[in-house]
Amino acid sequence: MSHEEITRARLDVLRREHRDLDEAIGALAAQNLSSSLTLQRLKKQKLSLKDRISRLEDELTPDIIA
């Protein structure tokens, strides 16, 4: 596998994790049974995943010098 293929595979995994966290946060928020600390922790994880996704997407996008 090339570096680009590996990066795309990692990107797919991270996007799936991000989507799963989003669903979990929505379910917990709807139940109103979880602590705000748990929700904060999950949201922080989701934001961290989003940052990692952005870095990988930037890595795949070629630099264009204007």
PDB file of N, CA and C in Angstrom:
ATOM      1  N   MET A   1       0.838  -1.188   0.000  1.00  0.00           N
ATOM      2  CA  MET A   1       0.000   0.000   0.000  1.00  0.00           C
ATOM      3  C   MET A   1       0.880   1.247   0.000  1.00  0.00           C
ATOM      4  N   SER A   2       0.442   2.225  -0.742  1.00  0.00           N
ATOM      5  CA  SER A   2       1.181   3.485  -0.790  1.00  0.00           C
ATOM      6  C   SER A   2       0.842   4.338   0.434  1.00  0.00           C
ATOM      7  N   HIS A   3       1.637   5.361   0.626  1.00  0.00           N
ATOM      8  CA  HIS A   3       1.408   6.281   1.750  1.00  0.00           C
ATOM      9  C   HIS A   3       0.018   6.912   1.649  1.00  0.00           C
ATOM     10  N   GLU A   4      -0.385   7.268   0.433  1.00  0.00           N
ATOM     11  CA  GLU A   4      -1.694   7.896   0.238  1.00  0.00           C
ATOM     12  C   GLU A   4      -2.822   6.928   0.588  1.00  0.00           C
ATOM     13  N   GLU A   5      -2.687   5.673   0.216  1.00  0.00           N
ATOM     14  CA  GLU A   5      -3.721   4.680   0.527  1.00  0.00           C
ATOM     15  C   GLU A   5      -3.837   4.455   2.030  1.00  0.00           C
ATOM     16  N   ILE A   6      -2.696   4.415   2.704  1.00  0.00           N
ATOM     17  CA  ILE A   6      -2.695   4.249   4.158  1.00  0.00           C
ATOM     18  C   ILE A   6      -3.355   5.451   4.821  1.00  0.00           C
ATOM     19  N   THR A   7      -3.029   6.637   4.349  1.00  0.00           N
ATOM     20  CA  THR A   7      -3.612   7.859   4.906  1.00  0.00           C
ATOM     21  C   THR A   7      -5.118   7.887   4.689  1.00  0.00           C
ATOM     22  N   ARG A   8      -5.564   7.498   3.502  1.00  0.00           N
ATOM     23  CA  ARG A   8      -7.003   7.459   3.225  1.00  0.00           C
ATOM     24  C   ARG A   8      -7.713   6.438   4.111  1.00  0.00           C
ATOM     25  N   ALA A   9      -7.091   5.297   4.360  1.00  0.00           N
ATOM     26  CA  ALA A   9      -7.681   4.283   5.234  1.00  0.00           C
ATOM     27  C   ALA A   9      -7.790   4.813   6.664  1.00  0.00           C
ATOM     28  N   ARG A  10      -6.729   5.478   7.152  1.00  0.00           N
ATOM     29  CA  ARG A  10      -6.772   6.070   8.491  1.00  0.00           C
ATOM     30  C   ARG A  10      -7.846   7.145   8.567  1.00  0.00           C
ATOM     31  N   LEU A  11      -7.982   7.903   7.492  1.00  0.00           N
ATOM     32  CA  LEU A  11      -8.987   8.959   7.429  1.00  0.00           C
ATOM     33  C   LEU A  11     -10.395   8.372   7.529  1.00  0.00           C
ATOM     34  N   ASP A  12     -10.634   7.276   6.834  1.00  0.00           N
ATOM     35  CA  ASP A  12     -11.940   6.613   6.901  1.00  0.00           C
ATOM     36  C   ASP A  12     -12.250   6.134   8.316  1.00  0.00           C
ATOM     37  N   VAL A  13     -11.252   5.564   8.983  1.00  0.00           N
ATOM     38  CA  VAL A  13     -11.440   5.082  10.353  1.00  0.00           C
ATOM     39  C   VAL A  13     -11.758   6.249  11.288  1.00  0.00           C
ATOM     40  N   LEU A  14     -11.018   7.335  11.158  1.00  0.00           N
ATOM     41  CA  LEU A  14     -11.244   8.501  12.018  1.00  0.00           C
ATOM     42  C   LEU A  14     -12.615   9.117  11.775  1.00  0.00           C
ATOM     43  N   ARG A  15     -13.037   9.177  10.520  1.00  0.00           N
ATOM     44  CA  ARG A  15     -14.367   9.717  10.213  1.00  0.00           C
ATOM     45  C   ARG A  15     -15.460   8.853  10.829  1.00  0.00           C
ATOM     46  N   ARG A  16     -15.262   7.530  10.773  1.00  0.00           N
ATOM     47  CA  ARG A  16     -16.238   6.615  11.363  1.00  0.00           C
ATOM     48  C   ARG A  16     -16.302   6.815  12.883  1.00  0.00           C
ATOM     49  N   GLU A  17     -15.140   6.928  13.528  1.00  0.00           N
ATOM     50  CA  GLU A  17     -15.090   7.170  14.972  1.00  0.00           C
ATOM     51  C   GLU A  17     -15.770   8.493  15.319  1.00  0.00           C
ATOM     52  N   HIS A  18     -15.529   9.521  14.508  1.00  0.00           N
ATOM     53  CA  HIS A  18     -16.131  10.838  14.731  1.00  0.00           C
ATOM     54  C   HIS A  18     -17.649  10.745  14.643  1.00  0.00           C
ATOM     55  N   ARG A  19     -18.140  10.024  13.631  1.00  0.00           N
ATOM     56  CA  ARG A  19     -19.580   9.850  13.449  1.00  0.00           C
ATOM     57  C   ARG A  19     -20.184   9.077  14.628  1.00  0.00           C
ATOM     58  N   ASP A  20     -19.494   8.028  15.086  1.00  0.00           N
ATOM     59  CA  ASP A  20     -19.970   7.246  16.224  1.00  0.00           C
ATOM     60  C   ASP A  20     -20.035   8.094  17.491  1.00  0.00           C
ATOM     61  N   LEU A  21     -19.010   8.908  17.707  1.00  0.00           N
ATOM     62  CA  LEU A  21     -19.011   9.791  18.876  1.00  0.00           C
ATOM     63  C   LEU A  21     -20.148  10.799  18.799  1.00  0.00           C
ATOM     64  N   ASP A  22     -20.401  11.317  17.614  1.00  0.00           N
ATOM     65  CA  ASP A  22     -21.486  12.275  17.425  1.00  0.00           C
ATOM     66  C   ASP A  22     -22.824  11.636  17.796  1.00  0.00           C
ATOM     67  N   GLU A  23     -23.032  10.394  17.363  1.00  0.00           N
ATOM     68  CA  GLU A  23     -24.271   9.689  17.688  1.00  0.00           C
ATOM     69  C   GLU A  23     -24.367   9.416  19.187  1.00  0.00           C
ATOM     70  N   ALA A  24     -23.258   9.036  19.808  1.00  0.00           N
ATOM     71  CA  ALA A  24     -23.250   8.765  21.244  1.00  0.00           C
ATOM     72  C   ALA A  24     -23.555  10.031  22.040  1.00  0.00           C
ATOM     73  N   ILE A  25     -22.972  11.140  21.628  1.00  0.00           N
ATOM     74  CA  ILE A  25     -23.224  12.414  22.309  1.00  0.00           C
ATOM     75  C   ILE A  25     -24.690  12.796  22.178  1.00  0.00           C
ATOM     76  N   GLY A  26     -25.247  12.633  20.987  1.00  0.00           N
ATOM     77  CA  GLY A  26     -26.658  12.942  20.778  1.00  0.00           C
ATOM     78  C   GLY A  26     -27.563  12.081  21.630  1.00  0.00           C
ATOM     79  N   ALA A  27     -27.256  10.799  21.730  1.00  0.00           N
ATOM     80  CA  ALA A  27     -28.075   9.884  22.530  1.00  0.00           C
ATOM     81  C   ALA A  27     -27.988  10.227  24.016  1.00  0.00           C
ATOM     82  N   LEU A  28     -26.784  10.517  24.494  1.00  0.00           N
ATOM     83  CA  LEU A  28     -26.626  10.861  25.909  1.00  0.00           C
ATOM     84  C   LEU A  28     -27.295  12.189  26.238  1.00  0.00           C
ATOM     85  N   ALA A  29     -27.191  13.138  25.344  1.00  0.00           N
ATOM     86  CA  ALA A  29     -27.814  14.444  25.577  1.00  0.00           C
ATOM     87  C   ALA A  29     -29.333  14.312  25.595  1.00  0.00           C
ATOM     88  N   ALA A  30     -29.878  13.435  24.763  1.00  0.00           N
ATOM     89  CA  ALA A  30     -31.326  13.246  24.710  1.00  0.00           C
ATOM     90  C   ALA A  30     -31.847  12.571  25.973  1.00  0.00           C
ATOM     91  N   GLN A  31     -31.046  11.715  26.583  1.00  0.00           N
ATOM     92  CA  GLN A  31     -31.477  10.993  27.779  1.00  0.00           C
ATOM     93  C   GLN A  31     -31.440  11.863  29.030  1.00  0.00           C
ATOM     94  N   ASN A  32     -30.586  12.847  29.043  1.00  0.00           N
ATOM     95  CA  ASN A  32     -30.406  13.726  30.204  1.00  0.00           C
ATOM     96  C   ASN A  32     -30.032  12.955  31.466  1.00  0.00           C
ATOM     97  N   LEU A  33     -29.494  11.752  31.317  1.00  0.00           N
ATOM     98  CA  LEU A  33     -29.107  10.950  32.472  1.00  0.00           C
ATOM     99  C   LEU A  33     -27.605  11.017  32.747  1.00  0.00           C
ATOM    100  N   SER A  34     -26.852  11.383  31.752  1.00  0.00           N
ATOM    101  CA  SER A  34     -25.402  11.393  31.920  1.00  0.00           C
ATOM    102  C   SER A  34     -24.935  12.715  32.529  1.00  0.00           C
ATOM    103  N   SER A  35     -23.780  12.662  33.125  1.00  0.00           N
ATOM    104  CA  SER A  35     -23.230  13.871  33.729  1.00  0.00           C
ATOM    105  C   SER A  35     -22.674  14.787  32.643  1.00  0.00           C
ATOM    106  N   SER A  36     -22.626  16.052  32.965  1.00  0.00           N
ATOM    107  CA  SER A  36     -22.080  17.008  32.002  1.00  0.00           C
ATOM    108  C   SER A  36     -20.590  16.751  31.786  1.00  0.00           C
ATOM    109  N   LEU A  37     -19.936  16.175  32.784  1.00  0.00           N
ATOM    110  CA  LEU A  37     -18.518  15.857  32.656  1.00  0.00           C
ATOM    111  C   LEU A  37     -18.297  14.796  31.576  1.00  0.00           C
ATOM    112  N   THR A  38     -19.171  13.804  31.533  1.00  0.00           N
ATOM    113  CA  THR A  38     -19.079  12.762  30.502  1.00  0.00           C
ATOM    114  C   THR A  38     -19.286  13.365  29.125  1.00  0.00           C
ATOM    115  N   LEU A  39     -20.285  14.224  28.996  1.00  0.00           N
ATOM    116  CA  LEU A  39     -20.542  14.869  27.708  1.00  0.00           C
ATOM    117  C   LEU A  39     -19.363  15.739  27.287  1.00  0.00           C
ATOM    118  N   GLN A  40     -18.798  16.466  28.226  1.00  0.00           N
ATOM    119  CA  GLN A  40     -17.641  17.308  27.918  1.00  0.00           C
ATOM    120  C   GLN A  40     -16.468  16.470  27.427  1.00  0.00           C
ATOM    121  N   ARG A  41     -16.242  15.339  28.084  1.00  0.00           N
ATOM    122  CA  ARG A  41     -15.135  14.461  27.700  1.00  0.00           C
ATOM    123  C   ARG A  41     -15.339  13.918  26.292  1.00  0.00           C
ATOM    124  N   LEU A  42     -16.575  13.493  25.983  1.00  0.00           N
ATOM    125  CA  LEU A  42     -16.871  12.968  24.650  1.00  0.00           C
ATOM    126  C   LEU A  42     -16.743  14.055  23.583  1.00  0.00           C
ATOM    127  N   LYS A  43     -17.197  15.253  23.898  1.00  0.00           N
ATOM    128  CA  LYS A  43     -17.089  16.356  22.940  1.00  0.00           C
ATOM    129  C   LYS A  43     -15.626  16.722  22.689  1.00  0.00           C
ATOM    130  N   LYS A  44     -14.811  16.641  23.739  1.00  0.00           N
ATOM    131  CA  LYS A  44     -13.384  16.925  23.579  1.00  0.00           C
ATOM    132  C   LYS A  44     -12.731  15.869  22.686  1.00  0.00           C
ATOM    133  N   GLN A  45     -13.108  14.600  22.875  1.00  0.00           N
ATOM    134  CA  GLN A  45     -12.597  13.532  22.014  1.00  0.00           C
ATOM    135  C   GLN A  45     -13.014  13.764  20.570  1.00  0.00           C
ATOM    136  N   LYS A  46     -14.267  14.175  20.385  1.00  0.00           N
ATOM    137  CA  LYS A  46     -14.782  14.418  19.038  1.00  0.00           C
ATOM    138  C   LYS A  46     -14.004  15.553  18.367  1.00  0.00           C
ATOM    139  N   LEU A  47     -13.726  16.605  19.104  1.00  0.00           N
ATOM    140  CA  LEU A  47     -12.959  17.729  18.566  1.00  0.00           C
ATOM    141  C   LEU A  47     -11.533  17.307  18.210  1.00  0.00           C
ATOM    142  N   SER A  48     -10.942  16.477  19.054  1.00  0.00           N
ATOM    143  CA  SER A  48      -9.605  15.966  18.775  1.00  0.00           C
ATOM    144  C   SER A  48      -9.597  15.138  17.490  1.00  0.00           C
ATOM    145  N   LEU A  49     -10.622  14.313  17.308  1.00  0.00           N
ATOM    146  CA  LEU A  49     -10.734  13.526  16.078  1.00  0.00           C
ATOM    147  C   LEU A  49     -10.876  14.434  14.868  1.00  0.00           C
ATOM    148  N   LYS A  50     -11.676  15.482  15.017  1.00  0.00           N
ATOM    149  CA  LYS A  50     -11.875  16.412  13.903  1.00  0.00           C
ATOM    150  C   LYS A  50     -10.553  17.082  13.516  1.00  0.00           C
ATOM    151  N   ASP A  51      -9.751  17.435  14.507  1.00  0.00           N
ATOM    152  CA  ASP A  51      -8.443  18.033  14.234  1.00  0.00           C
ATOM    153  C   ASP A  51      -7.533  17.054  13.492  1.00  0.00           C
ATOM    154  N   ARG A  52      -7.537  15.795  13.928  1.00  0.00           N
ATOM    155  CA  ARG A  52      -6.718  14.778  13.256  1.00  0.00           C
ATOM    156  C   ARG A  52      -7.199  14.550  11.827  1.00  0.00           C
ATOM    157  N   ILE A  53      -8.516  14.564  11.632  1.00  0.00           N
ATOM    158  CA  ILE A  53      -9.086  14.407  10.288  1.00  0.00           C
ATOM    159  C   ILE A  53      -8.630  15.560   9.399  1.00  0.00           C
ATOM    160  N   SER A  54      -8.690  16.770   9.923  1.00  0.00           N
ATOM    161  CA  SER A  54      -8.271  17.950   9.151  1.00  0.00           C
ATOM    162  C   SER A  54      -6.805  17.864   8.749  1.00  0.00           C
ATOM    163  N   ARG A  55      -5.955  17.410   9.684  1.00  0.00           N
ATOM    164  CA  ARG A  55      -4.529  17.283   9.367  1.00  0.00           C
ATOM    165  C   ARG A  55      -4.293  16.263   8.260  1.00  0.00           C
ATOM    166  N   LEU A  56      -5.002  15.139   8.320  1.00  0.00           N
ATOM    167  CA  LEU A  56      -4.834  14.115   7.284  1.00  0.00           C
ATOM    168  C   LEU A  56      -5.363  14.599   5.939  1.00  0.00           C
ATOM    169  N   GLU A  57      -6.489  15.327   5.963  1.00  0.00           N
ATOM    170  CA  GLU A  57      -7.029  15.873   4.712  1.00  0.00           C
ATOM    171  C   GLU A  57      -6.048  16.869   4.101  1.00  0.00           C
ATOM    172  N   ASP A  58      -5.424  17.695   4.944  1.00  0.00           N
ATOM    173  CA  ASP A  58      -4.420  18.646   4.455  1.00  0.00           C
ATOM    174  C   ASP A  58      -3.216  17.916   3.863  1.00  0.00           C
ATOM    175  N   GLU A  59      -2.875  16.792   4.467  1.00  0.00           N
ATOM    176  CA  GLU A  59      -1.750  15.997   3.978  1.00  0.00           C
ATOM    177  C   GLU A  59      -2.041  15.435   2.583  1.00  0.00           C
ATOM    178  N   LEU A  60      -3.307  15.113   2.329  1.00  0.00           N
ATOM    179  CA  LEU A  60      -3.689  14.545   1.035  1.00  0.00           C
ATOM    180  C   LEU A  60      -3.886  15.602  -0.044  1.00  0.00           C
ATOM    181  N   THR A  61      -4.130  16.845   0.373  1.00  0.00           N
ATOM    182  CA  THR A  61      -4.365  17.923  -0.581  1.00  0.00           C
ATOM    183  C   THR A  61      -3.029  18.512  -1.016  1.00  0.00           C
ATOM    184  N   PRO A  62      -2.768  18.548  -2.309  1.00  0.00           N
ATOM    185  CA  PRO A  62      -1.482  19.096  -2.766  1.00  0.00           C
ATOM    186  C   PRO A  62      -1.406  20.604  -2.523  1.00  0.00           C
ATOM    187  N   ASP A  63      -0.204  21.060  -2.205  1.00  0.00           N
ATOM    188  CA  ASP A  63       0.022  22.496  -2.016  1.00  0.00           C
ATOM    189  C   ASP A  63       0.063  23.170  -3.379  1.00  0.00           C
ATOM    190  N   ILE A  64      -0.695  24.245  -3.502  1.00  0.00           N
ATOM    191  CA  ILE A  64      -0.717  25.002  -4.750  1.00  0.00           C
ATOM    192  C   ILE A  64      -0.133  26.377  -4.465  1.00  0.00           C
ATOM    193  N   ILE A  65       0.933  26.689  -5.138  1.00  0.00           N
ATOM    194  CA  ILE A  65       1.566  27.991  -4.958  1.00  0.00           C
ATOM    195  C   ILE A  65       0.953  28.947  -5.967  1.00  0.00           C
ATOM    196  N   ALA A  66       0.356  30.011  -5.448  1.00  0.00           N
ATOM    197  CA  ALA A  66      -0.322  30.971  -6.326  1.00  0.00           C
ATOM    198  C   ALA A  66       0.654  31.977  -6.873  1.00  0.00           C
TER     199      ALA A  66
END
